[in-house]
């Protein structure tokens, strides 16, 4: 039999495959790939960590702890490995061990708000429970019936890179899939479109979404527009860039104005509903205008940007290799019954953590009307 020399890069390839399978919730297959990575590189801390996370999602907490312990042995400052070990002990109701792991994780990463919250929950659950008392059953009000919630989600990634065009992107389709599953859980009906090539195709997508809004009529509770792709500012206005945009060509004529999108969606929505806009754009300087997006001047709608005005966004996420930090943070936040501005605050904390404090999100527009997911 032919013998192969140990190749650490080959081990890394198995780990990347395992991470991808994990993101698809194929945990058993992910574990097989991660086992191969560990066999090739027995001191591969990140592979042990990823395997521990897969075991955690399979509710095999003892296996997860064993794998996470090895990751920690090779990387003693591996904060998130301690956090996941704490989660395992928490699920097993071994609260003291959970809190000890959480404390180490927080000491290593003081900005990890999620682990702090998990620690507080474990601390509360380990308190002695009071003896049950018989009290009259409260009057139960019927649940409030939600109105119609609709969302248009566009991912532009397949920019055909050459000398005249801009850089292709890897994460937008994955980001849209990740966030759309969260929105479906919250009762949104979705229209998802991939790779809008021209400004006319943008308009066709908007026209179809307006028709959906008009069909909802007075039942509409919320309309949400989500965009992941390239964007730019031009003359202090923001534009979303179609995939067939030619570098250096006229921006207003060939890109979709964000102001136009806001006007188009807001006018048929009516004053009894909430309009939300989520823009994960401006990942790189694309040569179409100034660096970063401008602060929108809208007074009646709320826009959540993945990055602050005048700065570029980021695709480098410390916990996922196929998602932007912004989308990953959105997917991990506790959303049910959370007001939109409070959600934005949660996402801000997570994005700063995932990008080592290099990026923060930005909210613009109307804040005087609450919307609870």
Protein backbone atom coordinates (compact mmCIF):
# COMPACT_ATOMS: atom_id res chain seq x y z
CA UNK A 1 0.00 0.00 0.00
CA UNK A 2 1.29 3.46 -0.90
CA UNK A 3 2.20 5.58 2.14
CA UNK A 4 1.27 9.27 2.24
CA UNK A 5 3.26 11.78 4.25
CA UNK A 6 1.36 13.87 6.81
CA UNK A 7 0.19 17.12 5.21
CA UNK A 8 -1.23 19.76 7.62
CA UNK A 9 -2.93 21.57 4.73
CA UNK A 10 -4.75 18.37 3.84
CA UNK A 11 -5.98 18.18 7.43
CA UNK A 12 -7.19 21.76 7.14
CA UNK A 13 -9.17 20.80 4.04
CA UNK A 14 -11.02 18.10 5.99
CA UNK A 15 -11.76 20.65 8.72
CA UNK A 16 -13.15 23.15 6.18
CA UNK A 17 -15.37 20.39 4.76
CA UNK A 18 -16.55 19.58 8.28
CA UNK A 19 -17.37 23.25 8.97
CA UNK A 20 -19.36 23.47 5.73
CA UNK A 21 -21.32 20.31 6.56
CA UNK A 22 -21.98 21.69 10.06
CA UNK A 23 -23.46 24.88 8.56
CA UNK A 24 -25.86 22.61 6.61
CA UNK A 25 -26.79 20.81 9.87
CA UNK A 26 -25.26 17.56 8.56
CA UNK A 27 -23.57 16.91 11.86
CA UNK A 28 -22.77 13.20 11.50
CA UNK A 29 -21.09 13.79 8.12
CA UNK A 30 -19.26 16.77 9.57
CA UNK A 31 -17.90 14.62 12.41
CA UNK A 32 -16.56 12.09 9.87
CA UNK A 33 -14.61 14.82 8.06
CA UNK A 34 -13.35 16.29 11.31
CA UNK A 35 -12.21 12.84 12.47
CA UNK A 36 -10.16 12.61 9.26
CA UNK A 37 -8.61 16.01 9.99
CA UNK A 38 -7.71 14.90 13.51
CA UNK A 39 -6.26 11.62 12.28
CA UNK A 40 -3.96 13.58 9.95
CA UNK A 41 -3.11 16.20 12.58
CA UNK A 42 -3.69 14.90 16.13
CA UNK A 43 -3.01 18.34 17.66
CA UNK A 44 -5.48 20.23 15.44
CA UNK A 45 -7.33 22.22 18.14
CA UNK A 46 -9.85 23.82 15.76
CA UNK A 47 -10.89 20.41 14.44
CA UNK A 48 -11.50 19.11 17.98
CA UNK A 49 -13.51 22.28 18.71
CA UNK A 50 -15.65 21.94 15.58
CA UNK A 51 -16.29 18.27 16.36
CA UNK A 52 -17.33 19.21 19.88
CA UNK A 53 -19.83 21.72 18.49
CA UNK A 54 -21.31 19.03 16.21
CA UNK A 55 -21.67 16.62 19.15
CA UNK A 56 -23.36 19.43 21.09
CA UNK A 57 -25.98 19.88 18.36
CA UNK A 58 -26.59 16.12 18.39
CA UNK A 59 -27.22 16.31 22.18
CA UNK A 60 -24.21 14.04 22.78
CA UNK A 61 -22.88 16.28 25.51
CA UNK A 62 -20.31 13.94 27.04
CA UNK A 63 -18.70 13.36 23.63
CA UNK A 64 -18.75 17.11 23.06
CA UNK A 65 -17.02 17.80 26.39
CA UNK A 66 -14.32 15.21 25.64
CA UNK A 67 -13.58 16.82 22.27
CA UNK A 68 -13.68 20.36 23.63
CA UNK A 69 -11.32 19.40 26.46
CA UNK A 70 -8.73 18.32 23.90
CA UNK A 71 -9.16 21.57 21.94
CA UNK A 72 -8.59 23.51 25.17
CA UNK A 73 -5.53 21.43 26.02
CA UNK A 74 -3.90 22.42 22.74
CA UNK A 75 -5.23 26.03 22.82
CA UNK A 76 -5.60 27.08 26.47
CA UNK A 77 -6.96 30.54 25.50
CA UNK A 78 -9.71 29.14 23.24
CA UNK A 79 -12.55 31.25 24.69
CA UNK A 80 -15.44 29.92 22.64
CA UNK A 81 -14.42 26.30 23.37
CA UNK A 82 -14.87 27.04 27.08
CA UNK A 83 -18.24 28.65 26.27
CA UNK A 84 -19.49 25.55 24.42
CA UNK A 85 -18.20 23.31 27.20
CA UNK A 86 -20.21 25.45 29.59
CA UNK A 87 -23.27 24.97 27.36
CA UNK A 88 -22.80 21.19 27.52
CA UNK A 89 -22.60 21.16 31.32
CA UNK A 90 -25.59 23.51 31.39
CA UNK A 91 -27.66 21.06 29.30
CA UNK A 92 -26.60 18.26 31.65
CA UNK A 93 -27.74 20.44 34.60
CA UNK A 94 -24.23 20.43 36.06
CA UNK A 95 -24.54 24.11 36.79
CA UNK A 96 -21.38 24.65 38.86
CA UNK A 97 -19.17 23.18 36.13
CA UNK A 98 -21.06 25.21 33.53
CA UNK A 99 -20.45 28.45 35.42
CA UNK A 100 -16.76 27.62 35.87
CA UNK A 101 -16.37 27.15 32.10
CA UNK A 102 -18.40 30.29 31.37
CA UNK A 103 -16.20 32.30 33.76
CA UNK A 104 -13.02 31.24 31.96
CA UNK A 105 -14.56 32.08 28.58
CA UNK A 106 -15.66 35.53 29.78
CA UNK A 107 -12.25 36.22 31.27
CA UNK A 108 -10.66 35.42 27.91
CA UNK A 109 -13.29 37.34 25.92
CA UNK A 110 -14.90 40.03 28.13
CA UNK A 111 -17.06 41.31 25.23
CA UNK A 112 -18.94 38.03 24.71
CA UNK A 113 -22.46 39.11 25.71
CA UNK A 114 -24.02 35.75 24.72
CA UNK A 115 -21.85 33.77 27.15
CA UNK A 116 -22.56 36.29 29.90
CA UNK A 117 -26.27 35.79 29.30
CA UNK A 118 -25.90 31.98 29.33
CA UNK A 119 -23.96 32.22 32.61
CA UNK A 120 -26.73 34.31 34.19
CA UNK A 121 -29.34 31.79 33.09
CA UNK A 122 -27.33 28.89 34.55
CA UNK A 123 -26.84 30.84 37.79
CA UNK A 124 -30.59 31.44 38.02
CA UNK A 125 -31.46 27.80 37.27
CA UNK A 126 -29.17 26.46 39.99
CA UNK A 127 -30.96 28.43 42.70
CA UNK A 128 -33.27 26.35 44.94
CA UNK A 129 -36.80 26.35 43.61
CA UNK A 130 -39.54 27.56 46.02
CA UNK A 131 -42.25 25.13 47.05
CA UNK A 132 -45.18 25.23 44.65
CA UNK A 133 -48.20 27.21 45.82
CA UNK A 134 -51.73 26.74 44.64
CA UNK A 135 -52.96 29.97 43.13
CA UNK A 136 -56.02 30.71 41.03
CA UNK A 137 -55.39 30.25 37.34
CA UNK A 138 -54.98 33.62 35.64
CA UNK A 139 -57.37 34.63 32.93
CA UNK A 140 -55.71 33.75 29.65
CA UNK A 141 -56.16 36.26 26.90
CA UNK A 142 -56.21 34.89 23.36
CA UNK A 143 -52.87 35.51 21.59
CA UNK A 144 -52.69 38.66 19.52
CA UNK A 145 -53.19 37.78 15.90
CA UNK A 146 -50.25 38.87 13.81
CA UNK A 147 -50.75 40.80 10.64
CA UNK A 148 -49.24 39.90 7.30
CA UNK A 149 -45.43 40.02 7.23
CA UNK A 150 -43.65 40.03 3.88
CA UNK A 151 -39.98 40.26 2.91
CA UNK A 152 -38.03 40.76 -0.32
CA UNK A 153 -34.51 39.32 -0.05
CA UNK A 154 -31.89 39.90 -2.75
CA UNK A 155 -28.39 38.38 -2.85
CA UNK A 156 -25.93 39.68 -5.44
CA UNK A 157 -22.73 37.64 -5.55
CA UNK A 158 -21.95 36.46 -9.07
CA UNK A 159 -20.24 39.61 -10.30
CA UNK A 160 -18.31 38.37 -13.41
CA UNK A 161 -14.92 39.70 -12.36
CA UNK A 162 -12.69 41.12 -15.09
CA UNK A 163 -10.94 44.39 -15.83
CA UNK A 164 -14.23 46.25 -16.29
CA UNK A 165 -16.27 44.76 -13.46
CA UNK A 166 -16.14 44.42 -9.71
CA UNK A 167 -15.17 41.68 -7.33
CA UNK A 168 -17.36 38.60 -6.99
CA UNK A 169 -18.62 37.76 -3.48
CA UNK A 170 -18.89 34.40 -1.73
CA UNK A 171 -21.23 34.91 1.21
CA UNK A 172 -24.48 36.65 0.03
CA UNK A 173 -26.38 33.49 -1.10
CA UNK A 174 -25.43 31.71 2.14
CA UNK A 175 -26.38 34.79 4.16
CA UNK A 176 -29.81 35.08 2.55
CA UNK A 177 -30.49 31.37 3.18
CA UNK A 178 -29.39 31.72 6.81
CA UNK A 179 -31.46 34.84 7.57
CA UNK A 180 -34.51 33.71 5.57
CA UNK A 181 -34.91 30.64 7.81
CA UNK A 182 -35.00 32.96 10.83
CA UNK A 183 -37.59 35.22 9.18
CA UNK A 184 -39.79 32.26 8.26
CA UNK A 185 -39.84 31.25 11.93
CA UNK A 186 -41.13 34.76 12.67
CA UNK A 187 -44.03 34.48 10.23
CA UNK A 188 -42.63 36.28 7.19
CA UNK A 189 -43.62 35.28 3.66
CA UNK A 190 -40.45 35.53 1.58
CA UNK A 191 -39.51 36.42 -1.97
CA UNK A 192 -35.81 35.50 -2.48
CA UNK A 193 -33.98 36.57 -5.64
CA UNK A 194 -30.38 35.75 -6.52
CA UNK A 195 -28.07 37.84 -8.75
CA UNK A 196 -30.07 40.80 -10.06
CA UNK A 197 -28.08 41.69 -13.18
CA UNK A 198 -29.42 45.15 -14.14
CA UNK A 199 -31.28 48.11 -12.67
CA UNK A 200 -34.34 47.04 -14.72
CA UNK A 201 -34.31 43.65 -13.02
CA UNK A 202 -34.13 45.48 -9.68
CA UNK A 203 -37.25 47.41 -10.67
CA UNK A 204 -39.06 44.22 -11.73
CA UNK A 205 -38.31 42.70 -8.30
CA UNK A 206 -39.62 45.85 -6.57
CA UNK A 207 -42.79 45.89 -8.70
CA UNK A 208 -43.53 42.28 -7.76
CA UNK A 209 -42.96 43.05 -4.08
CA UNK A 210 -45.26 46.08 -4.26
CA UNK A 211 -47.96 43.82 -5.71
CA UNK A 212 -47.53 41.48 -2.70
CA UNK A 213 -47.86 44.46 -0.35
CA UNK A 214 -51.00 45.69 -2.09
CA UNK A 215 -52.57 42.23 -1.85
CA UNK A 216 -52.09 42.32 1.93
CA UNK A 217 -53.97 45.64 2.08
CA UNK A 218 -54.99 46.64 5.63
CA UNK A 219 -53.73 43.30 7.02
CA UNK A 220 -50.09 44.28 6.41
CA UNK A 221 -48.05 44.45 9.63
CA UNK A 222 -44.51 44.69 8.27
CA UNK A 223 -42.68 44.83 4.94
CA UNK A 224 -38.94 44.08 5.05
CA UNK A 225 -36.31 44.56 2.35
CA UNK A 226 -32.99 42.69 2.80
CA UNK A 227 -30.02 43.11 0.47
CA UNK A 228 -26.64 41.36 0.51
CA UNK A 229 -24.12 42.38 -2.14
CA UNK A 230 -22.10 45.34 -3.37
CA UNK A 231 -23.25 48.90 -2.74
CA UNK A 232 -21.78 52.39 -2.98
CA UNK A 233 -22.56 56.05 -2.37
CA UNK A 234 -22.66 58.67 -5.12
CA UNK A 235 -23.31 62.37 -4.44
CA UNK A 236 -24.24 61.44 -0.87
CA UNK A 237 -26.92 58.96 -2.01
CA UNK A 238 -26.72 55.18 -1.66
CA UNK A 239 -26.94 52.73 -4.54
CA UNK A 240 -27.12 48.94 -4.74
CA UNK A 241 -25.00 47.49 -7.53
CA UNK A 242 -26.37 44.92 -10.05
CA UNK A 243 -24.08 42.04 -10.96
CA UNK A 244 -23.56 43.28 -14.56
CA UNK A 245 -22.53 46.79 -13.56
CA UNK A 246 -19.50 48.01 -15.55
CA UNK A 247 -16.87 49.72 -13.43
CA UNK A 248 -16.76 53.46 -14.16
CA UNK A 249 -20.17 53.65 -15.86
CA UNK A 250 -22.83 56.11 -14.70
CA UNK A 251 -23.95 55.09 -11.20
CA UNK A 252 -27.47 56.67 -11.06
CA UNK A 253 -28.34 55.21 -14.48
CA UNK A 254 -26.99 51.71 -13.89
CA UNK A 255 -27.42 51.09 -10.15
CA UNK A 256 -30.54 51.01 -7.97
CA UNK A 257 -31.05 53.98 -5.67
CA UNK A 258 -31.78 52.99 -2.06
CA UNK A 259 -33.93 56.12 -1.72
CA UNK A 260 -36.00 54.89 -4.67
CA UNK A 261 -36.41 51.47 -3.02
CA UNK A 262 -37.61 53.11 0.21
CA UNK A 263 -40.13 55.32 -1.62
CA UNK A 264 -41.39 52.44 -3.77
CA UNK A 265 -42.02 50.13 -0.80
CA UNK A 266 -43.26 52.76 1.65
CA UNK A 267 -45.95 54.39 -0.51
CA UNK A 268 -48.23 51.32 -0.87
CA UNK A 269 -47.53 50.03 2.64
CA UNK A 270 -49.68 52.60 4.43
CA UNK A 271 -49.29 54.25 7.81
CA UNK A 272 -50.59 51.25 9.78
CA UNK A 273 -47.57 49.03 9.05
CA UNK A 274 -43.82 49.10 9.66
CA UNK A 275 -41.21 49.18 6.88
CA UNK A 276 -37.73 47.82 7.65
CA UNK A 277 -34.65 47.81 5.44
CA UNK A 278 -31.55 45.70 6.11
CA UNK A 279 -28.51 46.48 3.97
CA UNK A 280 -25.45 44.20 4.15
CA UNK A 281 -23.45 45.98 1.46
CA UNK A 282 -20.26 47.86 0.63
CA UNK A 283 -17.93 44.98 1.40
CA UNK A 284 -15.10 46.46 -0.69
CA UNK A 285 -14.15 49.67 -2.48
CA UNK A 286 -15.60 48.93 -5.91
CA UNK A 287 -14.62 52.05 -7.86
CA UNK A 288 -18.19 53.20 -8.37
CA UNK A 289 -18.19 56.08 -5.88
CA UNK A 290 -16.94 57.04 -2.44
CA UNK A 291 -15.83 54.47 0.12
CA UNK A 292 -18.71 53.11 2.21
CA UNK A 293 -22.37 54.07 2.24
CA UNK A 294 -23.84 57.43 3.26
CA UNK A 295 -26.16 58.04 6.20
CA UNK A 296 -29.70 57.92 4.81
CA UNK A 297 -31.92 60.96 5.35
CA UNK A 298 -35.15 58.99 5.57
CA UNK A 299 -37.52 60.22 8.27
CA UNK A 300 -40.26 57.60 8.12
CA UNK A 301 -38.48 54.26 7.76
CA UNK A 302 -35.83 52.30 9.66
CA UNK A 303 -32.67 51.11 7.91
CA UNK A 304 -30.18 48.72 9.51
CA UNK A 305 -26.76 48.83 7.84
CA UNK A 306 -24.09 46.16 8.32
CA UNK A 307 -21.45 48.87 8.72
CA UNK A 308 -21.17 52.49 9.81
CA UNK A 309 -21.38 55.36 7.25
CA UNK A 310 -18.19 55.86 5.27
CA UNK A 311 -16.74 52.44 6.11
CA UNK A 312 -16.64 49.15 4.26
CA UNK A 313 -18.26 45.97 5.48
CA UNK A 314 -16.50 42.68 6.17
CA UNK A 315 -16.79 39.04 5.08
CA UNK A 316 -14.32 37.66 7.64
CA UNK A 317 -16.32 36.04 10.44
CA UNK A 318 -14.48 34.36 13.30
CA UNK A 319 -17.14 31.63 13.65
CA UNK A 320 -18.23 30.94 10.06
CA UNK A 321 -16.24 30.73 6.85
CA UNK A 322 -19.27 30.96 4.53
CA UNK A 323 -21.24 33.82 6.09
CA UNK A 324 -20.70 37.51 6.73
CA UNK A 325 -20.34 38.53 10.41
CA UNK A 326 -23.53 40.58 10.07
CA UNK A 327 -25.72 37.70 8.85
CA UNK A 328 -24.14 35.28 11.33
CA UNK A 329 -24.84 37.71 14.18
CA UNK A 330 -28.47 38.14 13.06
CA UNK A 331 -28.98 34.37 12.96
CA UNK A 332 -27.59 33.90 16.49
CA UNK A 333 -29.56 36.68 18.21
CA UNK A 334 -32.63 35.95 20.30
CA UNK A 335 -35.33 37.52 18.13
CA UNK A 336 -38.78 36.35 19.32
CA UNK A 337 -40.71 39.26 20.89
CA UNK A 338 -37.65 41.55 20.57
CA UNK A 339 -38.16 45.14 19.40
CA UNK A 340 -36.24 45.98 16.21
CA UNK A 341 -33.93 48.60 17.77
CA UNK A 342 -33.11 46.20 20.63
CA UNK A 343 -32.29 43.56 18.02
CA UNK A 344 -29.95 46.06 16.34
CA UNK A 345 -28.15 46.53 19.65
CA UNK A 346 -27.70 42.76 20.01
CA UNK A 347 -26.34 42.53 16.46
CA UNK A 348 -23.94 45.41 17.11
CA UNK A 349 -22.41 43.61 20.10
CA UNK A 350 -22.08 40.36 18.14
CA UNK A 351 -20.58 41.95 15.00
CA UNK A 352 -17.95 43.77 17.08
CA UNK A 353 -17.09 40.47 18.78
CA UNK A 354 -16.94 38.50 15.52
CA UNK A 355 -14.69 41.09 13.86
CA UNK A 356 -12.40 41.75 16.84
CA UNK A 357 -13.97 45.19 17.39
CA UNK A 358 -13.19 46.30 13.81
CA UNK A 359 -16.81 46.72 12.61
CA UNK A 360 -20.13 47.92 14.01
CA UNK A 361 -23.62 48.14 12.56
CA UNK A 362 -25.59 51.36 12.11
CA UNK A 363 -29.30 52.20 12.37
CA UNK A 364 -30.80 55.15 10.52
CA UNK A 365 -34.26 56.63 10.19
CA UNK A 366 -37.45 56.56 12.23
CA UNK A 367 -37.27 55.14 15.77
CA UNK A 368 -40.58 56.39 17.21
CA UNK A 369 -42.71 53.38 16.12
CA UNK A 370 -41.86 50.07 17.78
CA UNK A 371 -41.95 46.79 15.92
CA UNK A 372 -41.69 43.53 17.86
CA UNK A 373 -40.70 40.32 16.09
